[in-house]
């Protein structure tokens, strides 16, 4: 799927999902076996695992370099962003929020031939550790398409719009930043000389630049990820994502992914309080 403190499983934080108005009792909740199969067939399990790749940007938000902590930083990332933990958190949240009807609708599309081929390339794209490689390659593809007058960029923009990439990402990233910085301040990692409403407003002031960056990155990422697919196949994917049920599934999946990211960043803030920059020998 395209496209974020260890809490007791029964008490997973729902702040982002509440914020997005998505925490409603499903008409019929999917059981855990169904959810496990859903995560695999849609590729959402790999999308969750890729959250770990965002961890190196966490210290920069606080004015700290990850390299300052040496090997301790990589150990912290492995522990806090443990795949099994994030997977279990996702299943817990989805067990409360994803209806059997929505699960079936999404799973049927992704279980088909086109869906499985899409999941394969999306899984590979999620786990590319060098963001610059994906961005630069995608930008080159877009530039080439524009030169020849291809309609492909418009199709990719339609695809991104169908999954609500920009709006969801802006709101969610802002929430992740606020929660991370507030947790770091509470843990004594940083001195934050403003109250939470002021912090939110300061972050909101950067929204214009953030939207431009996210839209550009989403287009480059889509160009990179789906380069082996025909215009007709990408259009078919966009049409599938535009279905009301798929839109609802994507809104929930995005909320779950960013909720887990925010939760794990808060855990990083607490752990940083007990860590000191180290020097590799």
C-alpha atoms as a PDB file:
ATOM      1  CA  UNK A   1       0.000   0.000   0.000  1.00  0.00           C
ATOM      2  CA  UNK A   2       1.125   3.468  -0.801  1.00  0.00           C
ATOM      3  CA  UNK A   3       1.240   5.486   0.942  1.00  0.00           C
ATOM      4  CA  UNK A   4       4.764   7.789  11.236  1.00  0.00           C
ATOM      5  CA  UNK A   5       6.729   4.198  25.703  1.00  0.00           C
ATOM      6  CA  UNK A   6       5.481   0.741  24.842  1.00  0.00           C
ATOM      7  CA  UNK A   7       1.803   0.914  25.591  1.00  0.00           C
ATOM      8  CA  UNK A   8      -0.327  -2.024  26.702  1.00  0.00           C
ATOM      9  CA  UNK A   9      -2.017  -3.485  23.653  1.00  0.00           C
ATOM     10  CA  UNK A  10      -5.448  -2.670  25.065  1.00  0.00           C
ATOM     11  CA  UNK A  11      -4.418   0.955  25.519  1.00  0.00           C
ATOM     12  CA  UNK A  12      -2.939   1.917  22.152  1.00  0.00           C
ATOM     13  CA  UNK A  13      -3.031   5.702  21.681  1.00  0.00           C
ATOM     14  CA  UNK A  14      -5.703   6.878  19.240  1.00  0.00           C
ATOM     15  CA  UNK A  15      -4.950  10.626  19.094  1.00  0.00           C
ATOM     16  CA  UNK A  16      -4.268  10.826  15.359  1.00  0.00           C
ATOM     17  CA  UNK A  17      -7.229   8.638  14.526  1.00  0.00           C
ATOM     18  CA  UNK A  18      -9.442  10.752  16.767  1.00  0.00           C
ATOM     19  CA  UNK A  19      -8.023  13.887  15.158  1.00  0.00           C
ATOM     20  CA  UNK A  20      -8.955  12.578  11.718  1.00  0.00           C
ATOM     21  CA  UNK A  21     -12.447  11.545  12.811  1.00  0.00           C
ATOM     22  CA  UNK A  22     -11.876   7.887  12.026  1.00  0.00           C
ATOM     23  CA  UNK A  23     -12.418   6.197  15.385  1.00  0.00           C
ATOM     24  CA  UNK A  24     -15.903   4.799  14.986  1.00  0.00           C
ATOM     25  CA  UNK A  25     -17.175   1.375  15.872  1.00  0.00           C
ATOM     26  CA  UNK A  26     -17.190  -0.717  12.683  1.00  0.00           C
ATOM     27  CA  UNK A  27     -20.443  -2.387  11.749  1.00  0.00           C
ATOM     28  CA  UNK A  28     -18.639  -5.697  11.925  1.00  0.00           C
ATOM     29  CA  UNK A  29     -15.025  -5.796  13.013  1.00  0.00           C
ATOM     30  CA  UNK A  30     -12.563  -8.085  11.253  1.00  0.00           C
ATOM     31  CA  UNK A  31     -10.960 -10.822  13.353  1.00  0.00           C
ATOM     32  CA  UNK A  32      -7.213 -11.022  13.928  1.00  0.00           C
ATOM     33  CA  UNK A  33      -6.574 -13.820  11.416  1.00  0.00           C
ATOM     34  CA  UNK A  34      -8.306 -11.770   8.740  1.00  0.00           C
ATOM     35  CA  UNK A  35      -6.266  -8.722   9.728  1.00  0.00           C
ATOM     36  CA  UNK A  36      -2.992 -10.629   9.503  1.00  0.00           C
ATOM     37  CA  UNK A  37      -3.899 -11.762   5.989  1.00  0.00           C
ATOM     38  CA  UNK A  38      -5.012  -8.223   5.121  1.00  0.00           C
ATOM     39  CA  UNK A  39      -1.679  -6.709   6.180  1.00  0.00           C
ATOM     40  CA  UNK A  40       0.203  -9.160   4.005  1.00  0.00           C
ATOM     41  CA  UNK A  41      -1.946  -9.068   0.871  1.00  0.00           C
ATOM     42  CA  UNK A  42      -2.078  -5.255   0.809  1.00  0.00           C
ATOM     43  CA  UNK A  43       1.605  -4.818   1.660  1.00  0.00           C
ATOM     44  CA  UNK A  44       0.727  -2.713   4.685  1.00  0.00           C
ATOM     45  CA  UNK A  45       2.964  -4.889   6.855  1.00  0.00           C
ATOM     46  CA  UNK A  46       5.981  -3.713   4.834  1.00  0.00           C
ATOM     47  CA  UNK A  47       4.772  -0.109   4.949  1.00  0.00           C
ATOM     48  CA  UNK A  48       4.767  -0.390   8.748  1.00  0.00           C
ATOM     49  CA  UNK A  49       8.259  -1.847   8.764  1.00  0.00           C
ATOM     50  CA  UNK A  50       9.483   1.078   6.674  1.00  0.00           C
ATOM     51  CA  UNK A  51       8.615   3.483   9.507  1.00  0.00           C
ATOM     52  CA  UNK A  52      12.001   2.510  10.926  1.00  0.00           C
ATOM     53  CA  UNK A  53      13.689   4.202   7.970  1.00  0.00           C
ATOM     54  CA  UNK A  54      12.322   7.579   9.086  1.00  0.00           C
ATOM     55  CA  UNK A  55      14.015   7.307  12.473  1.00  0.00           C
ATOM     56  CA  UNK A  56      17.268   8.977  11.466  1.00  0.00           C
ATOM     57  CA  UNK A  57      15.370  12.223  10.903  1.00  0.00           C
ATOM     58  CA  UNK A  58      14.100  12.255  14.498  1.00  0.00           C
ATOM     59  CA  UNK A  59      17.170  13.797  16.208  1.00  0.00           C
ATOM     60  CA  UNK A  60      17.360  16.547  13.588  1.00  0.00           C
ATOM     61  CA  UNK A  61      13.962  17.818  14.773  1.00  0.00           C
ATOM     62  CA  UNK A  62      15.605  18.425  18.148  1.00  0.00           C
ATOM     63  CA  UNK A  63      18.829  19.898  16.808  1.00  0.00           C
ATOM     64  CA  UNK A  64      20.784  16.705  17.528  1.00  0.00           C
ATOM     65  CA  UNK A  65      22.796  14.549  15.129  1.00  0.00           C
ATOM     66  CA  UNK A  66      22.074  10.810  15.193  1.00  0.00           C
ATOM     67  CA  UNK A  67      25.766  10.143  14.531  1.00  0.00           C
ATOM     68  CA  UNK A  68      26.591  11.761  17.877  1.00  0.00           C
ATOM     69  CA  UNK A  69      25.257   8.655  19.610  1.00  0.00           C
ATOM     70  CA  UNK A  70      27.343   6.210  17.568  1.00  0.00           C
ATOM     71  CA  UNK A  71      26.246   2.590  17.664  1.00  0.00           C
ATOM     72  CA  UNK A  72      23.844   3.341  20.526  1.00  0.00           C
ATOM     73  CA  UNK A  73      21.538   5.116  18.104  1.00  0.00           C
ATOM     74  CA  UNK A  74      21.194   2.081  15.839  1.00  0.00           C
ATOM     75  CA  UNK A  75      20.493  -0.126  18.850  1.00  0.00           C
ATOM     76  CA  UNK A  76      17.791   2.276  20.021  1.00  0.00           C
ATOM     77  CA  UNK A  77      16.185   2.294  16.560  1.00  0.00           C
ATOM     78  CA  UNK A  78      16.157  -1.519  16.402  1.00  0.00           C
ATOM     79  CA  UNK A  79      14.463  -1.737  19.783  1.00  0.00           C
ATOM     80  CA  UNK A  80      11.973   1.136  19.557  1.00  0.00           C
ATOM     81  CA  UNK A  81      10.983   0.476  15.939  1.00  0.00           C
ATOM     82  CA  UNK A  82      10.875  -3.300  16.302  1.00  0.00           C
ATOM     83  CA  UNK A  83       8.828  -4.731  13.443  1.00  0.00           C
ATOM     84  CA  UNK A  84       6.886  -7.186  15.617  1.00  0.00           C
ATOM     85  CA  UNK A  85       5.877  -4.430  18.014  1.00  0.00           C
ATOM     86  CA  UNK A  86       4.640  -2.072  15.290  1.00  0.00           C
ATOM     87  CA  UNK A  87       2.834  -4.945  13.584  1.00  0.00           C
ATOM     88  CA  UNK A  88       1.010  -5.837  16.799  1.00  0.00           C
ATOM     89  CA  UNK A  89       0.064  -2.209  17.416  1.00  0.00           C
ATOM     90  CA  UNK A  90      -1.429  -1.996  13.919  1.00  0.00           C
ATOM     91  CA  UNK A  91      -3.484  -5.162  14.414  1.00  0.00           C
ATOM     92  CA  UNK A  92      -4.757  -3.875  17.762  1.00  0.00           C
ATOM     93  CA  UNK A  93      -5.935  -0.589  16.263  1.00  0.00           C
ATOM     94  CA  UNK A  94      -7.436  -2.186  13.166  1.00  0.00           C
ATOM     95  CA  UNK A  95      -9.290  -4.751  15.265  1.00  0.00           C
ATOM     96  CA  UNK A  96     -11.205  -1.803  16.744  1.00  0.00           C
ATOM     97  CA  UNK A  97     -11.658   0.288  13.621  1.00  0.00           C
ATOM     98  CA  UNK A  98     -11.645  -1.734  10.378  1.00  0.00           C
ATOM     99  CA  UNK A  99     -14.900  -3.351   9.352  1.00  0.00           C
ATOM    100  CA  UNK A 100     -15.054  -6.715   7.650  1.00  0.00           C
ATOM    101  CA  UNK A 101     -16.767  -5.064   4.676  1.00  0.00           C
ATOM    102  CA  UNK A 102     -13.937  -2.571   4.090  1.00  0.00           C
ATOM    103  CA  UNK A 103     -11.278  -5.225   4.640  1.00  0.00           C
ATOM    104  CA  UNK A 104     -12.891  -7.509   2.063  1.00  0.00           C
ATOM    105  CA  UNK A 105     -13.214  -4.730  -0.516  1.00  0.00           C
ATOM    106  CA  UNK A 106      -9.535  -3.730  -0.300  1.00  0.00           C
ATOM    107  CA  UNK A 107      -8.223  -7.284  -0.028  1.00  0.00           C
ATOM    108  CA  UNK A 108     -10.109  -8.407  -3.138  1.00  0.00           C
ATOM    109  CA  UNK A 109      -8.454  -5.717  -5.242  1.00  0.00           C
ATOM    110  CA  UNK A 110      -4.939  -6.327  -3.932  1.00  0.00           C
ATOM    111  CA  UNK A 111      -5.302 -10.100  -4.207  1.00  0.00           C
ATOM    112  CA  UNK A 112      -5.858  -9.789  -7.972  1.00  0.00           C
ATOM    113  CA  UNK A 113      -3.115  -9.920 -10.581  1.00  0.00           C
ATOM    114  CA  UNK A 114      -2.678  -6.151 -10.905  1.00  0.00           C
ATOM    115  CA  UNK A 115      -2.973  -5.686  -7.144  1.00  0.00           C
ATOM    116  CA  UNK A 116      -0.269  -8.227  -6.367  1.00  0.00           C
ATOM    117  CA  UNK A 117       2.109  -6.729  -8.931  1.00  0.00           C
ATOM    118  CA  UNK A 118       1.479  -3.303  -7.414  1.00  0.00           C
ATOM    119  CA  UNK A 119       2.130  -4.593  -3.904  1.00  0.00           C
ATOM    120  CA  UNK A 120       5.405  -6.148  -5.039  1.00  0.00           C
ATOM    121  CA  UNK A 121       6.816  -2.861  -6.363  1.00  0.00           C
ATOM    122  CA  UNK A 122       5.368  -0.840  -3.476  1.00  0.00           C
ATOM    123  CA  UNK A 123       7.041  -3.143  -0.959  1.00  0.00           C
ATOM    124  CA  UNK A 124      10.388  -2.665  -2.692  1.00  0.00           C
ATOM    125  CA  UNK A 125       9.881   1.092  -2.878  1.00  0.00           C
ATOM    126  CA  UNK A 126       8.985   1.349   0.823  1.00  0.00           C
ATOM    127  CA  UNK A 127      12.272  -0.281   1.824  1.00  0.00           C
ATOM    128  CA  UNK A 128      14.618   1.850  -0.305  1.00  0.00           C
ATOM    129  CA  UNK A 129      16.838   3.359   2.379  1.00  0.00           C
ATOM    130  CA  UNK A 130      18.386   6.072   0.214  1.00  0.00           C
ATOM    131  CA  UNK A 131      15.562   8.580  -0.267  1.00  0.00           C
ATOM    132  CA  UNK A 132      17.778  10.617  -2.578  1.00  0.00           C
ATOM    133  CA  UNK A 133      17.968   7.713  -5.017  1.00  0.00           C
ATOM    134  CA  UNK A 134      14.176   7.424  -5.260  1.00  0.00           C
ATOM    135  CA  UNK A 135      13.734  11.190  -5.450  1.00  0.00           C
ATOM    136  CA  UNK A 136      16.401  11.784  -8.077  1.00  0.00           C
ATOM    137  CA  UNK A 137      15.310   8.860 -10.238  1.00  0.00           C
ATOM    138  CA  UNK A 138      11.670   9.902  -9.974  1.00  0.00           C
ATOM    139  CA  UNK A 139      12.522  13.500 -10.871  1.00  0.00           C
ATOM    140  CA  UNK A 140      14.438  12.331 -13.934  1.00  0.00           C
ATOM    141  CA  UNK A 141      11.482  10.189 -15.016  1.00  0.00           C
ATOM    142  CA  UNK A 142       9.066  13.101 -14.601  1.00  0.00           C
ATOM    143  CA  UNK A 143      11.359  15.467 -16.520  1.00  0.00           C
ATOM    144  CA  UNK A 144      11.574  12.962 -19.378  1.00  0.00           C
ATOM    145  CA  UNK A 145       7.812  12.481 -19.449  1.00  0.00           C
ATOM    146  CA  UNK A 146       7.239  16.235 -19.575  1.00  0.00           C
ATOM    147  CA  UNK A 147       9.713  16.609 -22.451  1.00  0.00           C
ATOM    148  CA  UNK A 148       7.801  14.138 -24.603  1.00  0.00           C
ATOM    149  CA  UNK A 149       4.409  15.541 -23.656  1.00  0.00           C
ATOM    150  CA  UNK A 150       3.275  12.388 -21.861  1.00  0.00           C
ATOM    151  CA  UNK A 151       0.021  12.380 -19.912  1.00  0.00           C
ATOM    152  CA  UNK A 152       1.657  10.147 -17.302  1.00  0.00           C
ATOM    153  CA  UNK A 153       2.400  12.954 -14.754  1.00  0.00           C
ATOM    154  CA  UNK A 154      -1.317  13.822 -14.669  1.00  0.00           C
ATOM    155  CA  UNK A 155      -2.216  10.173 -14.144  1.00  0.00           C
ATOM    156  CA  UNK A 156       0.259   9.942 -11.253  1.00  0.00           C
ATOM    157  CA  UNK A 157      -1.176  13.122  -9.733  1.00  0.00           C
ATOM    158  CA  UNK A 158      -4.639  11.565  -9.963  1.00  0.00           C
ATOM    159  CA  UNK A 159      -3.300   8.455  -8.231  1.00  0.00           C
ATOM    160  CA  UNK A 160      -1.816  10.500  -5.387  1.00  0.00           C
ATOM    161  CA  UNK A 161      -4.985  12.565  -5.045  1.00  0.00           C
ATOM    162  CA  UNK A 162      -7.037   9.371  -4.767  1.00  0.00           C
ATOM    163  CA  UNK A 163      -4.979   8.226  -1.768  1.00  0.00           C
ATOM    164  CA  UNK A 164      -5.120  11.741  -0.250  1.00  0.00           C
ATOM    165  CA  UNK A 165      -1.331  11.758   0.111  1.00  0.00           C
ATOM    166  CA  UNK A 166      -0.809  15.483   0.580  1.00  0.00           C
ATOM    167  CA  UNK A 167      -3.562  16.429   3.032  1.00  0.00           C
ATOM    168  CA  UNK A 168      -3.132  13.358   5.203  1.00  0.00           C
ATOM    169  CA  UNK A 169       0.640  13.669   5.293  1.00  0.00           C
ATOM    170  CA  UNK A 170       0.609  17.367   6.217  1.00  0.00           C
ATOM    171  CA  UNK A 171      -1.802  16.944   9.110  1.00  0.00           C
ATOM    172  CA  UNK A 172      -0.152  13.790  10.353  1.00  0.00           C
ATOM    173  CA  UNK A 173       3.446  14.998  10.110  1.00  0.00           C
ATOM    174  CA  UNK A 174       2.490  18.127  12.033  1.00  0.00           C
ATOM    175  CA  UNK A 175       0.980  15.964  14.767  1.00  0.00           C
ATOM    176  CA  UNK A 176       4.055  13.709  14.874  1.00  0.00           C
ATOM    177  CA  UNK A 177       6.329  16.747  15.232  1.00  0.00           C
ATOM    178  CA  UNK A 178       4.262  18.228  18.052  1.00  0.00           C
ATOM    179  CA  UNK A 179       4.043  14.980  19.994  1.00  0.00           C
ATOM    180  CA  UNK A 180       7.734  14.230  19.550  1.00  0.00           C
ATOM    181  CA  UNK A 181       8.907  17.671  20.618  1.00  0.00           C
ATOM    182  CA  UNK A 182       6.526  17.810  23.580  1.00  0.00           C
ATOM    183  CA  UNK A 183       7.692  14.370  24.712  1.00  0.00           C
ATOM    184  CA  UNK A 184      11.344  15.421  24.328  1.00  0.00           C
ATOM    185  CA  UNK A 185      10.707  18.562  26.368  1.00  0.00           C
ATOM    186  CA  UNK A 186       8.902  16.595  29.086  1.00  0.00           C
ATOM    187  CA  UNK A 187      11.830  14.146  29.230  1.00  0.00           C
ATOM    188  CA  UNK A 188      14.332  16.992  29.557  1.00  0.00           C
ATOM    189  CA  UNK A 189      16.024  16.264  26.226  1.00  0.00           C
ATOM    190  CA  UNK A 190      15.341  19.808  24.979  1.00  0.00           C
ATOM    191  CA  UNK A 191      14.193  23.060  26.544  1.00  0.00           C
ATOM    192  CA  UNK A 192      11.039  24.133  24.776  1.00  0.00           C
ATOM    193  CA  UNK A 193      10.309  27.805  25.388  1.00  0.00           C
ATOM    194  CA  UNK A 194       6.716  27.770  24.189  1.00  0.00           C
ATOM    195  CA  UNK A 195       3.443  26.162  25.102  1.00  0.00           C
ATOM    196  CA  UNK A 196       1.870  23.473  22.935  1.00  0.00           C
ATOM    197  CA  UNK A 197      -0.581  25.863  21.164  1.00  0.00           C
ATOM    198  CA  UNK A 198       2.327  28.137  20.237  1.00  0.00           C
ATOM    199  CA  UNK A 199       4.344  25.166  18.984  1.00  0.00           C
ATOM    200  CA  UNK A 200       1.429  24.046  16.832  1.00  0.00           C
ATOM    201  CA  UNK A 201       1.085  27.520  15.378  1.00  0.00           C
ATOM    202  CA  UNK A 202       4.826  27.732  14.648  1.00  0.00           C
ATOM    203  CA  UNK A 203       4.676  24.411  12.811  1.00  0.00           C
ATOM    204  CA  UNK A 204       1.507  25.468  10.988  1.00  0.00           C
ATOM    205  CA  UNK A 205       3.324  28.520   9.658  1.00  0.00           C
ATOM    206  CA  UNK A 206       5.577  26.139   7.696  1.00  0.00           C
ATOM    207  CA  UNK A 207       2.628  24.323   6.102  1.00  0.00           C
ATOM    208  CA  UNK A 208       2.948  25.975   2.685  1.00  0.00           C
ATOM    209  CA  UNK A 209       6.519  24.803   2.161  1.00  0.00           C
ATOM    210  CA  UNK A 210       5.640  21.399   3.586  1.00  0.00           C
ATOM    211  CA  UNK A 211       2.775  20.935   1.113  1.00  0.00           C
ATOM    212  CA  UNK A 212       5.017  21.811  -1.825  1.00  0.00           C
ATOM    213  CA  UNK A 213       7.696  19.384  -0.620  1.00  0.00           C
ATOM    214  CA  UNK A 214       5.215  16.564   0.012  1.00  0.00           C
ATOM    215  CA  UNK A 215       3.468  16.995  -3.351  1.00  0.00           C
ATOM    216  CA  UNK A 216       6.799  16.980  -5.197  1.00  0.00           C
ATOM    217  CA  UNK A 217       8.059  13.981  -3.238  1.00  0.00           C
ATOM    218  CA  UNK A 218       4.825  12.059  -3.784  1.00  0.00           C
ATOM    219  CA  UNK A 219       4.953  12.637  -7.534  1.00  0.00           C
ATOM    220  CA  UNK A 220       8.618  11.632  -7.754  1.00  0.00           C
ATOM    221  CA  UNK A 221       7.960   8.593  -5.575  1.00  0.00           C
ATOM    222  CA  UNK A 222       5.035   7.469  -7.721  1.00  0.00           C
ATOM    223  CA  UNK A 223       7.049   7.942 -10.914  1.00  0.00           C
ATOM    224  CA  UNK A 224       9.823   5.790  -9.448  1.00  0.00           C
ATOM    225  CA  UNK A 225       7.570   3.108  -7.970  1.00  0.00           C
ATOM    226  CA  UNK A 226       5.233   2.551 -10.933  1.00  0.00           C
ATOM    227  CA  UNK A 227       7.683   3.064 -13.792  1.00  0.00           C
ATOM    228  CA  UNK A 228       7.187  -0.495 -15.064  1.00  0.00           C
ATOM    229  CA  UNK A 229       3.397  -0.132 -15.310  1.00  0.00           C
ATOM    230  CA  UNK A 230       1.464   1.121 -18.322  1.00  0.00           C
ATOM    231  CA  UNK A 231      -0.670   4.258 -18.272  1.00  0.00           C
ATOM    232  CA  UNK A 232      -3.742   2.042 -18.453  1.00  0.00           C
ATOM    233  CA  UNK A 233      -2.675   0.053 -15.392  1.00  0.00           C
ATOM    234  CA  UNK A 234      -1.889   3.139 -13.330  1.00  0.00           C
ATOM    235  CA  UNK A 235      -5.241   4.634 -14.374  1.00  0.00           C
ATOM    236  CA  UNK A 236      -6.980   1.437 -13.279  1.00  0.00           C
ATOM    237  CA  UNK A 237      -5.213   1.719  -9.923  1.00  0.00           C
ATOM    238  CA  UNK A 238      -6.324   5.343  -9.536  1.00  0.00           C
ATOM    239  CA  UNK A 239      -9.898   4.338 -10.315  1.00  0.00           C
ATOM    240  CA  UNK A 240      -9.726   1.584  -7.689  1.00  0.00           C
ATOM    241  CA  UNK A 241      -8.439   4.047  -5.085  1.00  0.00           C
ATOM    242  CA  UNK A 242     -11.195   6.523  -5.928  1.00  0.00           C
ATOM    243  CA  UNK A 243     -13.884   4.072  -4.816  1.00  0.00           C
ATOM    244  CA  UNK A 244     -15.511   5.384  -1.587  1.00  0.00           C
ATOM    245  CA  UNK A 245     -14.701   2.200   0.311  1.00  0.00           C
ATOM    246  CA  UNK A 246     -11.048   2.256  -0.750  1.00  0.00           C
ATOM    247  CA  UNK A 247     -10.816   5.928   0.225  1.00  0.00           C
ATOM    248  CA  UNK A 248     -12.076   4.994   3.673  1.00  0.00           C
ATOM    249  CA  UNK A 249      -9.569   2.162   3.946  1.00  0.00           C
ATOM    250  CA  UNK A 250      -6.709   4.434   2.911  1.00  0.00           C
ATOM    251  CA  UNK A 251      -7.723   7.154   5.352  1.00  0.00           C
ATOM    252  CA  UNK A 252      -7.627   4.583   8.133  1.00  0.00           C
ATOM    253  CA  UNK A 253      -4.358   3.004   6.994  1.00  0.00           C
ATOM    254  CA  UNK A 254      -2.663   6.395   6.806  1.00  0.00           C
ATOM    255  CA  UNK A 255      -3.942   7.293  10.269  1.00  0.00           C
ATOM    256  CA  UNK A 256      -2.705   4.002  11.724  1.00  0.00           C
ATOM    257  CA  UNK A 257       0.728   4.396  10.139  1.00  0.00           C
ATOM    258  CA  UNK A 258       1.210   7.927  11.453  1.00  0.00           C
ATOM    259  CA  UNK A 259      -0.210   7.069  14.883  1.00  0.00           C
ATOM    260  CA  UNK A 260       2.378   4.310  15.244  1.00  0.00           C
ATOM    261  CA  UNK A 261       5.102   6.667  14.018  1.00  0.00           C
ATOM    262  CA  UNK A 262       4.125   9.307  16.578  1.00  0.00           C
ATOM    263  CA  UNK A 263       3.950   6.699  19.328  1.00  0.00           C
ATOM    264  CA  UNK A 264       7.410   5.382  18.502  1.00  0.00           C
ATOM    265  CA  UNK A 265       8.888   8.897  18.263  1.00  0.00           C
ATOM    266  CA  UNK A 266       7.575   9.591  21.768  1.00  0.00           C
ATOM    267  CA  UNK A 267       9.356   6.445  22.898  1.00  0.00           C
ATOM    268  CA  UNK A 268      12.554   7.676  21.235  1.00  0.00           C
ATOM    269  CA  UNK A 269      12.282  10.965  23.149  1.00  0.00           C
ATOM    270  CA  UNK A 270      12.083   9.104  26.456  1.00  0.00           C
ATOM    271  CA  UNK A 271      15.060   6.914  25.574  1.00  0.00           C
ATOM    272  CA  UNK A 272      17.162   9.882  24.440  1.00  0.00           C
ATOM    273  CA  UNK A 273      16.890  11.311  27.953  1.00  0.00           C
ATOM    274  CA  UNK A 274      19.044   8.464  29.224  1.00  0.00           C
ATOM    275  CA  UNK A 275      21.562   8.465  26.377  1.00  0.00           C
ATOM    276  CA  UNK A 276      24.758  10.462  26.054  1.00  0.00           C
ATOM    277  CA  UNK A 277      26.578  11.228  22.803  1.00  0.00           C
ATOM    278  CA  UNK A 278      29.329   8.632  22.329  1.00  0.00           C
ATOM    279  CA  UNK A 279      32.591   8.396  20.462  1.00  0.00           C
ATOM    280  CA  UNK A 280      33.380   5.356  18.376  1.00  0.00           C
ATOM    281  CA  UNK A 281      36.746   3.776  19.222  1.00  0.00           C
END
